[in-house]
Amino acid sequence: MCKWEKTKKNNIISLEKDGQVIEGDDKLLEHATEYYSELFGTPIEYEVQMDPSIWEDAPKVSSNDNNILCRPFMKTEIKEALWQMDTIKQLDLIKFPLSFFKVAGR
């Protein structure tokens, strides 16, 4: 649970963990550091081993194809993909209908 104090900036003045209230800048900083260290800390090491020889006979992308795949998208490629999409669809991520981009991209 967080308490927010409305000032010019939003500030966290206290947090609650396991029924304990955490207050004070130093304690809040320590708690946040501990929380995110646990959340994003060192990944767990797994003992799974894969035999690298299984990839020896697998088809691979040529150096030239890899360069083509790794280059930035060109404006014409983006426009072509956009024009192939159904105009009535809406892109959920940005909440605009595709027709908006098709008109703006002419």
Protein backbone atom coordinates (compact mmCIF):
# COMPACT_ATOMS: atom_id res chain seq x y z
CA MET A 1 0.00 0.00 0.00
CA CYS A 2 1.36 3.43 -0.90
CA LYS A 3 0.45 6.84 0.48
CA TRP A 4 0.90 9.66 -1.99
CA GLU A 5 1.39 13.27 -0.98
CA LYS A 6 0.19 15.81 -3.53
CA THR A 7 2.70 18.60 -3.97
CA LYS A 8 4.39 19.93 -7.06
CA LYS A 9 5.61 16.36 -7.59
CA ASN A 10 4.10 13.06 -6.52
CA ASN A 11 6.03 11.68 -3.56
CA ILE A 12 5.78 8.36 -1.78
CA ILE A 13 5.79 9.11 1.94
CA SER A 14 5.25 5.54 3.14
CA LEU A 15 4.91 1.94 1.99
CA GLU A 16 3.53 -1.10 3.72
CA LYS A 17 5.15 -4.52 3.59
CA ASP A 18 3.97 -7.53 5.59
CA GLY A 19 1.93 -5.28 7.88
CA GLN A 20 4.93 -3.02 8.61
CA VAL A 21 4.88 0.64 7.57
CA ILE A 22 8.08 1.85 5.94
CA GLU A 23 8.71 5.58 6.26
CA GLY A 24 11.65 7.92 5.76
CA ASP A 25 13.73 8.45 2.67
CA ASP A 26 16.55 6.12 3.69
CA LYS A 27 14.22 3.23 4.61
CA LEU A 28 12.09 3.74 1.48
CA LEU A 29 15.20 3.76 -0.70
CA GLU A 30 16.51 0.63 1.02
CA HIS A 31 13.16 -1.14 0.55
CA ALA A 32 12.91 -0.14 -3.13
CA THR A 33 16.49 -1.27 -3.78
CA GLU A 34 15.86 -4.61 -2.09
CA TYR A 35 12.55 -5.10 -3.92
CA TYR A 36 13.97 -4.44 -7.38
CA SER A 37 17.16 -6.39 -6.65
CA GLU A 38 15.02 -9.42 -5.89
CA LEU A 39 12.78 -8.76 -8.88
CA PHE A 40 15.52 -8.15 -11.45
CA GLY A 41 18.47 -9.70 -9.65
CA THR A 42 20.83 -12.38 -10.86
CA PRO A 43 19.02 -14.94 -13.01
CA ILE A 44 18.75 -18.48 -11.76
CA GLU A 45 21.41 -20.75 -13.22
CA TYR A 46 20.01 -23.89 -14.82
CA GLU A 47 21.95 -27.08 -15.42
CA VAL A 48 20.41 -27.75 -18.84
CA GLN A 49 23.02 -28.64 -21.45
CA MET A 50 22.40 -28.78 -25.18
CA ASP A 51 24.66 -30.66 -27.54
CA PRO A 52 25.93 -28.00 -29.98
CA SER A 53 26.38 -30.59 -32.71
CA ILE A 54 22.60 -30.71 -33.25
CA TRP A 55 22.93 -27.45 -35.22
CA GLU A 56 25.71 -28.61 -37.54
CA ASP A 57 23.40 -29.88 -40.32
CA ALA A 58 20.66 -27.29 -39.81
CA PRO A 59 20.13 -24.78 -42.64
CA LYS A 60 21.63 -21.39 -41.85
CA VAL A 61 21.02 -17.87 -43.09
CA SER A 62 23.72 -16.61 -45.43
CA SER A 63 25.82 -13.61 -44.45
CA ASN A 64 24.11 -11.51 -47.11
CA ASP A 65 20.60 -12.55 -45.95
CA ASN A 66 21.59 -11.82 -42.35
CA ASN A 67 22.69 -8.29 -43.32
CA ILE A 68 19.34 -7.72 -45.07
CA LEU A 69 17.40 -9.01 -42.04
CA CYS A 70 19.38 -6.84 -39.59
CA ARG A 71 19.13 -3.52 -41.44
CA PRO A 72 16.61 -0.88 -40.29
CA PHE A 73 13.18 -0.87 -41.91
CA MET A 74 12.83 1.46 -44.87
CA LYS A 75 9.97 3.96 -44.99
CA THR A 76 8.66 2.33 -48.18
CA GLU A 77 8.51 -1.09 -46.48
CA ILE A 78 6.51 0.30 -43.56
CA LYS A 79 4.14 2.12 -45.92
CA GLU A 80 3.66 -1.02 -48.03
CA ALA A 81 2.83 -3.12 -44.95
CA LEU A 82 0.44 -0.45 -43.70
CA TRP A 83 -1.39 -0.26 -47.03
CA GLN A 84 -1.87 -4.06 -47.01
CA MET A 85 -3.76 -3.92 -43.69
CA ASP A 86 -7.54 -3.67 -43.45
CA THR A 87 -8.42 0.04 -43.07
CA ILE A 88 -11.16 -0.55 -40.50
CA LYS A 89 -8.78 -2.25 -38.06
CA GLN A 90 -7.62 -0.31 -35.03
CA LEU A 91 -4.14 -0.59 -33.57
CA ASP A 92 -4.86 -1.30 -29.89
CA LEU A 93 -1.49 -0.08 -28.72
CA ILE A 94 -1.98 3.47 -29.97
CA LYS A 95 -5.81 3.69 -30.23
CA PHE A 96 -5.90 5.10 -33.77
CA PRO A 97 -7.64 3.51 -36.75
CA LEU A 98 -5.36 2.52 -39.62
CA SER A 99 -7.19 4.95 -41.89
CA PHE A 100 -5.58 7.78 -39.88
CA PHE A 101 -2.10 6.58 -40.81
CA LYS A 102 -3.04 5.88 -44.41
CA VAL A 103 -4.30 9.43 -44.88
CA ALA A 104 -1.33 10.92 -43.00
CA GLY A 105 1.14 8.79 -44.95
CA ARG A 106 0.05 9.82 -48.45
